[in-house]
Protein backbone atom coordinates (compact mmCIF):
# COMPACT_ATOMS: atom_id res chain seq x y z
CA MET A 1 157.32 42.80 179.56
CA ALA A 2 157.26 46.54 180.30
CA ASP A 3 160.17 48.18 181.73
CA LYS A 4 159.82 48.21 185.66
CA ILE A 5 159.02 51.44 187.52
CA ARG A 6 162.49 52.55 189.04
CA VAL A 7 161.76 54.14 192.47
CA LEU A 8 164.33 56.07 194.75
CA ILE A 9 163.16 56.26 198.18
CA VAL A 10 164.09 59.58 200.34
CA ASP A 11 163.60 59.76 204.10
CA ASP A 12 165.78 60.74 206.94
CA ILE A 13 164.52 57.96 209.12
CA ALA A 14 166.34 54.48 208.17
CA GLU A 15 163.60 52.44 209.49
CA THR A 16 160.95 54.46 207.21
CA ARG A 17 163.39 53.70 204.21
CA SER A 18 163.59 50.00 204.99
CA HIS A 19 159.82 49.79 205.60
CA LEU A 20 159.03 51.28 202.28
CA ALA A 21 161.66 49.08 200.33
CA LYS A 22 160.20 46.01 201.83
CA LEU A 23 156.66 47.04 200.76
CA LEU A 24 157.69 47.68 197.31
CA SER A 25 159.85 44.44 197.03
CA PHE A 26 156.58 42.51 196.73
CA GLU A 27 155.57 44.24 193.50
CA GLY A 28 156.57 42.69 190.26
CA ASP A 29 156.55 45.82 188.22
CA ILE A 30 158.50 48.09 190.72
CA GLU A 31 162.18 47.93 191.56
CA VAL A 32 163.73 50.14 194.27
CA VAL A 33 167.14 51.46 192.77
CA GLY A 34 168.32 53.38 195.81
CA SER A 35 167.48 55.19 199.06
CA ALA A 36 168.61 58.40 200.27
CA ALA A 37 168.91 59.84 203.84
CA SER A 38 168.87 63.69 202.98
CA GLY A 39 167.86 66.26 200.26
CA GLY A 40 171.21 66.68 199.15
CA GLU A 41 171.90 63.01 198.72
CA ALA A 42 168.70 62.68 196.93
CA LEU A 43 169.37 65.36 194.41
CA ASP A 44 173.06 63.49 193.61
CA MET A 45 171.26 60.12 193.38
CA GLY A 46 168.14 61.34 191.27
CA VAL A 47 170.55 63.00 188.76
CA ARG A 48 172.91 60.06 188.66
CA LEU A 49 170.36 57.14 188.84
CA THR A 50 167.47 59.08 186.91
CA PRO A 51 164.73 56.83 188.56
CA ASP A 52 161.01 56.92 187.24
CA VAL A 53 159.68 58.14 190.63
CA VAL A 54 161.16 59.61 193.68
CA LEU A 55 159.29 58.95 197.12
CA MET A 56 160.54 62.24 199.01
CA ASP A 57 159.85 63.02 202.53
CA ILE A 58 158.90 66.49 203.14
CA ASN A 59 160.93 67.20 206.37
CA MET A 60 164.67 66.57 206.32
CA PRO A 61 167.36 68.05 208.22
CA ASP A 62 169.69 69.57 205.54
CA ILE A 63 167.49 70.36 202.24
CA ASP A 64 163.64 69.80 202.67
CA GLY A 65 161.69 67.96 200.48
CA ILE A 66 159.93 70.93 198.64
CA SER A 67 163.48 72.38 198.06
CA ALA A 68 164.96 69.26 196.82
CA THR A 69 161.95 68.52 194.49
CA GLU A 70 162.41 72.29 193.01
CA GLN A 71 166.26 71.61 192.30
CA LEU A 72 165.48 68.08 191.08
CA ALA A 73 162.86 69.47 188.63
CA LEU A 74 165.76 71.57 186.97
CA ARG A 75 168.55 68.92 187.10
CA ALA A 76 166.26 65.96 186.38
CA PRO A 77 163.08 67.14 184.59
CA ARG A 78 162.01 63.72 183.64
CA VAL A 79 161.85 62.38 187.19
CA ALA A 80 158.54 62.41 189.06
CA VAL A 81 158.16 63.19 192.78
CA ILE A 82 155.71 61.91 195.02
CA MET A 83 155.67 63.87 198.43
CA MET A 84 155.38 62.21 201.70
CA SER A 85 154.34 64.06 204.86
CA VAL A 86 152.80 63.24 208.19
CA GLN A 87 151.11 66.80 207.94
CA GLY A 88 148.30 66.96 205.39
CA GLU A 89 147.86 70.91 205.60
CA ALA A 90 146.70 72.72 202.65
CA ASP A 91 150.00 74.85 202.73
CA TYR A 92 152.12 71.68 202.28
CA LEU A 93 150.09 70.37 199.68
CA ARG A 94 150.16 73.72 197.73
CA ARG A 95 153.97 74.23 198.01
CA SER A 96 154.66 70.72 197.11
CA MET A 97 152.61 70.77 194.02
CA LEU A 98 154.13 74.16 193.04
CA ALA A 99 157.70 72.90 193.48
CA GLY A 100 156.95 70.22 190.93
CA ALA A 101 155.49 66.95 192.74
CA ARG A 102 153.08 64.81 191.00
CA GLU A 103 151.27 63.61 194.15
CA PHE A 104 151.12 64.03 197.70
CA LEU A 105 150.72 61.02 200.42
CA VAL A 106 149.95 61.87 203.99
CA LYS A 107 151.65 59.11 206.23
CA PRO A 108 150.63 56.48 207.35
CA PHE A 109 149.38 55.48 203.97
CA SER A 110 148.58 51.85 202.94
CA SER A 111 150.64 49.53 200.82
CA ASP A 112 147.88 49.75 198.00
CA GLU A 113 147.79 53.76 198.09
CA LEU A 114 151.61 53.88 197.93
CA THR A 115 151.76 51.33 194.78
CA ALA A 116 148.53 52.69 193.23
CA SER A 117 150.24 56.31 193.36
CA ILE A 118 153.70 55.23 191.94
CA ARG A 119 151.93 53.44 189.04
CA GLN A 120 149.51 56.21 188.27
CA VAL A 121 152.24 58.94 188.29
CA CYS A 122 154.61 56.90 186.26
CA GLN A 123 152.09 55.93 183.73
CA ARG A 124 151.00 59.65 183.33
CA GLU A 125 154.83 60.71 183.05
CA ARG A 126 155.29 57.96 180.38
CA ASP A 127 152.27 59.14 178.46
CA LYS A 128 153.47 62.61 178.36
CA MET A 129 156.81 61.64 177.23
CA SER A 130 155.54 59.72 174.52
CA ARG A 131 153.45 62.68 173.20
CA ILE A 132 156.33 65.20 173.42
CA GLY A 133 159.23 62.82 172.80
CA PRO A 134 159.24 63.35 168.85
CA LEU A 135 159.10 66.95 169.31
CA ALA A 136 162.19 67.09 171.74
CA ALA A 137 163.98 64.83 169.36
CA ALA A 138 163.33 66.80 166.19
CA PRO A 139 166.57 68.60 165.15
CA ALA A 140 166.92 71.95 166.54
CA ALA A 141 167.47 73.79 163.18
CA GLY A 142 166.09 77.11 164.42
CA SER A 143 167.75 76.73 167.83
CA SER A 144 169.85 80.08 167.08
CA HIS A 145 166.87 81.98 166.17
CA SER A 146 164.13 83.52 168.53
CA SER A 147 161.86 81.08 170.48
CA LEU A 148 159.07 83.05 169.10
CA SER A 149 158.80 81.18 165.71
CA THR A 150 158.47 77.49 166.96
CA ARG A 151 155.47 76.33 164.83
CA SER A 152 154.77 76.47 161.34
CA GLU A 153 151.10 77.45 161.83
CA PRO A 154 149.44 79.29 164.91
CA GLY A 155 147.63 77.19 167.44
CA GLN A 156 144.07 77.68 168.31
CA LEU A 157 142.98 80.60 170.42
CA ILE A 158 140.22 79.67 172.83
CA ALA A 159 138.36 82.55 174.68
CA VAL A 160 136.56 81.62 178.06
CA PHE A 161 133.66 84.17 178.36
CA SER A 162 130.58 84.95 180.27
CA PRO A 163 128.21 87.90 180.20
CA LYS A 164 127.83 87.57 183.93
CA GLY A 165 130.29 86.98 186.78
CA GLY A 166 129.91 84.37 189.42
CA VAL A 167 129.16 81.45 187.04
CA GLY A 168 132.69 79.76 187.40
CA ARG A 169 134.43 80.99 184.33
CA THR A 170 137.87 81.16 185.60
CA THR A 171 137.62 77.82 187.30
CA ILE A 172 136.56 76.22 184.02
CA ALA A 173 139.24 78.15 182.19
CA ALA A 174 142.12 76.62 184.26
CA ASN A 175 140.83 73.17 184.59
CA VAL A 176 140.03 72.82 180.83
CA ALA A 177 143.75 73.92 180.17
CA ILE A 178 144.83 71.55 182.69
CA ALA A 179 142.98 68.79 181.30
CA ALA A 180 143.99 69.53 177.67
CA ALA A 181 147.58 69.41 178.56
CA ALA A 182 147.69 66.32 180.74
CA ASP A 183 145.20 64.03 179.17
CA VAL A 184 144.78 65.41 175.58
CA GLY A 185 148.44 66.00 175.00
CA LYS A 186 148.29 69.49 173.86
CA LYS A 187 150.71 72.29 174.58
CA VAL A 188 148.64 74.75 176.52
CA ILE A 189 149.28 78.41 177.40
CA LEU A 190 146.64 79.82 179.78
CA VAL A 191 146.30 83.59 179.72
CA ASP A 192 144.63 85.53 182.33
CA GLY A 193 142.58 88.27 180.41
CA SER A 194 140.81 89.57 183.42
CA PHE A 195 143.66 92.41 183.59
CA GLN A 196 142.17 94.40 186.48
CA PHE A 197 141.00 91.61 188.96
CA GLY A 198 142.49 88.37 187.58
CA ASP A 199 142.23 85.15 189.67
CA ILE A 200 144.21 82.54 187.60
CA GLY A 201 147.63 83.12 189.79
CA VAL A 202 145.56 82.82 193.01
CA LEU A 203 143.77 79.56 191.66
CA LEU A 204 146.90 77.99 190.65
CA ASN A 205 148.91 79.17 193.68
CA LEU A 206 151.62 81.13 191.62
CA ASN A 207 154.13 83.28 192.98
CA PRO A 208 152.71 86.95 192.80
CA LYS A 209 156.07 88.04 192.28
CA ASN A 210 156.32 86.50 188.74
CA LYS A 211 156.33 88.77 185.78
CA THR A 212 152.90 89.43 184.22
CA ILE A 213 151.66 90.79 180.74
CA ALA A 214 152.27 94.26 182.22
CA ASP A 215 155.90 93.56 182.11
CA LEU A 216 155.79 92.16 178.31
CA VAL A 217 153.94 95.28 177.07
CA PRO A 218 156.86 97.49 176.98
CA GLU A 219 158.90 94.79 175.32
CA LEU A 220 156.08 94.52 172.64
CA GLU A 221 155.86 98.25 172.01
CA GLY A 222 159.53 98.38 171.28
CA GLY A 223 159.30 95.42 168.88
CA ASP A 224 159.19 91.82 169.38
CA PRO A 225 161.12 90.39 172.41
CA GLU A 226 163.81 87.76 171.92
CA SER A 227 161.70 85.25 173.95
CA LEU A 228 158.71 85.02 175.94
CA ASP A 229 159.80 82.56 178.38
CA PRO A 230 160.64 85.35 180.90
CA TYR A 231 157.06 86.26 181.25
CA ILE A 232 155.54 82.66 181.07
CA ILE A 233 155.12 80.59 184.05
CA ASN A 234 155.46 76.95 183.97
CA HIS A 235 152.97 75.30 186.19
CA SER A 236 153.33 71.72 187.70
CA SER A 237 150.42 70.59 185.85
CA GLY A 238 152.25 70.95 182.51
CA ILE A 239 150.57 74.18 181.29
CA ARG A 240 152.30 77.58 180.84
CA VAL A 241 150.86 80.75 182.24
CA LEU A 242 150.75 84.45 181.46
CA LEU A 243 149.42 86.19 184.42
CA ALA A 244 147.40 89.46 184.65
CA PRO A 245 148.88 92.63 186.38
CA PRO A 246 149.27 92.40 190.18
CA THR A 247 147.21 95.55 190.70
CA PRO A 248 144.14 97.22 189.07
CA GLU A 249 146.00 100.45 188.10
CA MET A 250 148.63 98.47 186.10
CA ALA A 251 145.98 97.02 183.87
CA GLU A 252 145.77 100.69 182.20
CA LEU A 253 149.26 99.72 180.85
CA VAL A 254 147.76 96.74 178.87
CA THR A 255 146.75 97.98 175.42
CA VAL A 256 144.56 96.44 172.60
CA ASN A 257 147.38 96.22 170.14
CA ALA A 258 149.82 94.80 172.89
CA VAL A 259 147.43 92.02 173.70
CA ARG A 260 146.74 91.20 169.91
CA ARG A 261 150.54 90.97 169.24
CA ALA A 262 150.97 88.79 172.63
CA LEU A 263 148.28 86.29 171.55
CA GLU A 264 149.85 86.27 167.92
CA LEU A 265 153.29 85.26 169.38
CA LEU A 266 151.77 82.83 171.99
CA ARG A 267 149.89 80.94 169.32
CA MET A 268 153.15 80.18 167.62
CA GLN A 269 154.22 78.36 170.82
CA ALA A 270 151.25 76.34 171.72
CA ASP A 271 148.52 74.13 170.43
CA LEU A 272 146.21 75.93 172.49
CA VAL A 273 146.00 79.50 173.87
CA ILE A 274 143.13 79.62 176.29
CA VAL A 275 142.12 83.27 177.49
CA ASP A 276 139.94 83.71 180.60
CA CYS A 277 138.12 86.92 179.48
CA MET A 278 136.59 89.50 181.93
CA SER A 279 132.87 89.60 182.05
CA SER A 280 132.56 93.02 180.13
CA PHE A 281 132.67 94.28 176.51
CA SER A 282 135.88 96.21 176.80
CA ASP A 283 137.82 97.03 173.77
CA THR A 284 140.43 94.31 174.72
CA THR A 285 137.68 91.64 175.54
CA LEU A 286 136.07 92.31 172.00
CA MET A 287 139.34 92.03 170.22
CA ILE A 288 139.88 88.62 171.84
CA LEU A 289 136.49 87.47 171.01
CA ASP A 290 136.86 88.46 167.70
CA GLU A 291 140.39 86.74 167.06
CA ALA A 292 139.21 83.46 168.92
CA ASP A 293 138.86 80.31 166.92
CA THR A 294 136.19 79.12 169.59
CA ILE A 295 134.38 80.99 172.56
CA LEU A 296 133.48 79.03 175.38
CA THR A 297 130.57 80.93 176.84
CA ILE A 298 129.79 79.99 180.39
CA LEU A 299 126.20 80.32 182.01
CA SER A 300 124.37 78.80 184.93
CA LEU A 301 120.67 77.90 185.69
CA GLU A 302 119.96 81.62 186.94
CA ILE A 303 117.61 83.93 185.42
CA THR A 304 120.10 86.69 185.35
CA SER A 305 122.71 84.57 183.68
CA ILE A 306 120.28 83.28 181.10
CA LYS A 307 119.07 86.56 180.27
CA ASN A 308 122.60 88.10 179.81
CA MET A 309 123.57 84.88 177.47
CA ARG A 310 120.45 85.66 175.22
CA LEU A 311 121.68 89.22 175.10
CA PHE A 312 125.43 88.21 174.30
CA LEU A 313 124.23 85.72 171.61
CA GLU A 314 122.26 88.68 169.99
CA VAL A 315 125.43 90.75 170.12
CA ALA A 316 127.52 87.86 168.55
CA ASP A 317 125.02 87.75 165.84
CA HIS A 318 125.35 91.37 164.97
CA LEU A 319 129.13 90.92 165.11
CA GLY A 320 128.72 88.18 162.52
CA TYR A 321 130.24 85.33 164.41
CA PRO A 322 129.55 81.90 162.80
CA ALA A 323 127.41 79.55 165.02
CA GLY A 324 130.19 77.21 165.52
CA LYS A 325 132.42 79.61 166.91
CA ILE A 326 130.31 80.03 170.16
CA ARG A 327 130.01 77.00 172.42
CA LEU A 328 127.67 77.13 175.38
CA VAL A 329 128.91 75.61 178.70
CA LEU A 330 126.02 75.20 181.17
CA ASN A 331 127.74 75.04 184.71
CA ARG A 332 126.19 73.26 187.54
CA ALA A 333 123.76 71.92 185.16
CA ASP A 334 122.00 69.55 187.72
CA ALA A 335 121.44 72.29 190.33
CA ALA A 336 117.92 72.02 191.70
CA LEU A 337 116.86 75.53 191.01
CA GLY A 338 113.37 75.16 189.13
CA ILE A 339 114.81 76.04 185.75
CA ARG A 340 115.36 72.91 183.50
CA VAL A 341 117.88 72.82 180.63
CA PRO A 342 115.04 72.57 177.95
CA ASP A 343 113.98 75.99 179.38
CA VAL A 344 117.35 77.63 178.79
CA GLU A 345 117.70 76.32 175.38
CA GLN A 346 114.12 77.73 174.56
CA SER A 347 115.16 80.99 176.17
CA ILE A 348 118.44 81.61 174.32
CA GLY A 349 117.30 79.95 170.88
CA ARG A 350 120.05 77.25 170.62
CA LYS A 351 121.19 74.04 172.30
CA VAL A 352 123.63 73.77 175.00
CA ASP A 353 126.96 72.32 173.87
CA HIS A 354 128.38 71.24 177.08
CA THR A 355 127.22 70.71 180.67
CA ILE A 356 129.03 70.48 183.84
CA VAL A 357 127.77 68.95 187.08
CA SER A 358 127.60 70.73 190.32
CA ASP A 359 130.06 69.63 192.72
CA GLY A 360 130.76 72.41 195.20
CA ARG A 361 132.36 70.55 197.71
CA SER A 362 135.21 69.30 195.46
CA VAL A 363 135.64 72.60 193.70
CA VAL A 364 135.66 74.89 196.83
CA TYR A 365 137.99 72.40 198.58
CA ALA A 366 140.18 72.57 195.67
CA LEU A 367 140.19 76.41 195.29
CA ASN A 368 141.14 76.81 198.88
CA ARG A 369 144.00 74.63 198.58
CA GLY A 370 145.32 76.09 195.39
CA VAL A 371 145.20 72.82 193.72
CA PRO A 372 142.64 72.84 190.65
CA PHE A 373 140.07 69.97 190.98
CA TYR A 374 141.16 68.22 187.76
CA LEU A 375 144.58 67.65 189.36
CA SER A 376 143.42 66.58 192.86
CA ASN A 377 140.29 64.57 191.55
CA ARG A 378 140.51 63.47 188.15
CA GLU A 379 137.93 60.53 188.34
CA ALA A 380 135.21 62.84 189.72
CA PRO A 381 132.11 63.60 187.50
CA VAL A 382 132.81 67.25 187.31
CA SER A 383 136.51 66.39 186.09
CA GLN A 384 135.12 64.12 183.48
CA ASP A 385 132.72 66.95 182.20
CA ILE A 386 135.80 69.22 181.92
CA LEU A 387 137.90 66.54 179.99
CA LYS A 388 134.98 66.24 177.63
CA ILE A 389 135.23 70.00 176.83
CA ALA A 390 139.02 69.87 176.54
CA GLN A 391 138.72 67.13 174.00
CA ALA A 392 136.23 69.05 172.04
CA ILE A 393 138.11 72.23 171.78
CA SER A 394 141.18 70.25 170.75
CA GLY A 395 139.83 68.45 167.98
CA ASP A 396 138.24 69.79 164.74
CA PRO A 397 135.97 72.58 165.71
CA SER A 398 133.67 71.93 162.56
CA SER A 399 133.02 68.30 163.62
CA THR A 400 131.18 69.28 166.96
CA GLU A 401 129.32 72.53 166.05
CA THR A 402 126.02 72.89 167.11
CA ALA A 403 123.88 75.09 165.17
CA PRO A 404 120.93 77.35 166.79
CA LYS A 405 117.46 75.90 166.68
CA ALA A 406 115.77 77.99 163.95
CA GLY A 407 112.66 79.90 164.96
CA ALA A 408 112.91 78.98 168.62
CA LYS A 409 110.88 81.30 170.86
CA LYS A 410 112.74 83.33 173.66
CA SER A 411 109.68 83.03 175.74
CA LEU A 412 111.23 83.01 179.13
CA PHE A 413 112.10 86.79 179.00
CA ALA A 414 109.44 87.68 176.28
CA ARG A 415 107.39 89.77 179.01
CA ARG A 416 110.40 91.92 179.88
């Protein structure tokens, strides 16, 4: 029989603690190992008892649930927190997830909702630990050396690019990164390569006061830094993030050589380095595309997007990119806009590799909450499409290559 899920209940109302404990007592695979009446008590018990899951109330008199979760993540990182609150506002959800909570339950919730959340969060954490356990247990022979040489071979560099803005490039980049980390088991670093107007920080609800690549550049120009950790942010989803500069003028500090070296170092720390590139052929973007193992190129069912994609593929051909390096991703592929997927493929002269369904409500709702939709609704069709892309880029690229159709006519724009 599998080990029981050990749960610590934290709520300043004794009646609530008793009610939750009674509900969970009927579950054969769940064991309540303790209850705490305050954030401070929760920290002590969390460190001492190391439960699998902590049910944490957000409002408490001494240390609130968000602050307690932040501290618990540092002192007992293997403990997963499920936040509870009578308030379901987006701000509470964003702050909870940023603090490290794995789930957010709005009171009152049913017994089924509670137990399903506990089991799902615990299973997710156990799966993650089973993947990283061997790495964590390995002898730290190089622990006295720089953290820049943590791998024997570099990880894959994935560039997410579109020759036209407004097609969902940044949203796709962030969610694919999260899917690759959460469900494919890869160590992922997400880089905001749109240095003037990067949106990764906003999409992931990261603190704008964090260090960015602009802070890293002087270190790189003076030689390799001892560690990249001060510049990379740990996100609650399991990915790590290198942000773009906070203002457009600071983007001028980011040189091509500095970005190239940064990517080389990052690839030694991760299985996948995913770069959200700007939609222009700047020197830096071209360098990233050149260095990338795979280019996820995003388009939509719009005439201008299809036209720009055809032009980009012509440029890529002139640059000598192999066919398998570029993977076409058609976003909002089921949108009823009068253009069919076969029309797109005939125009651009090759097959679309991946499609993503249209789910504007889920995507926009997630954007406004600062919680990527892959985290908030993994079972949605749009999330499953994202997972397929994450699985494809995490495997052997040669096994999933799609060659262009020979001799295909680019008829859709022939008259133009």
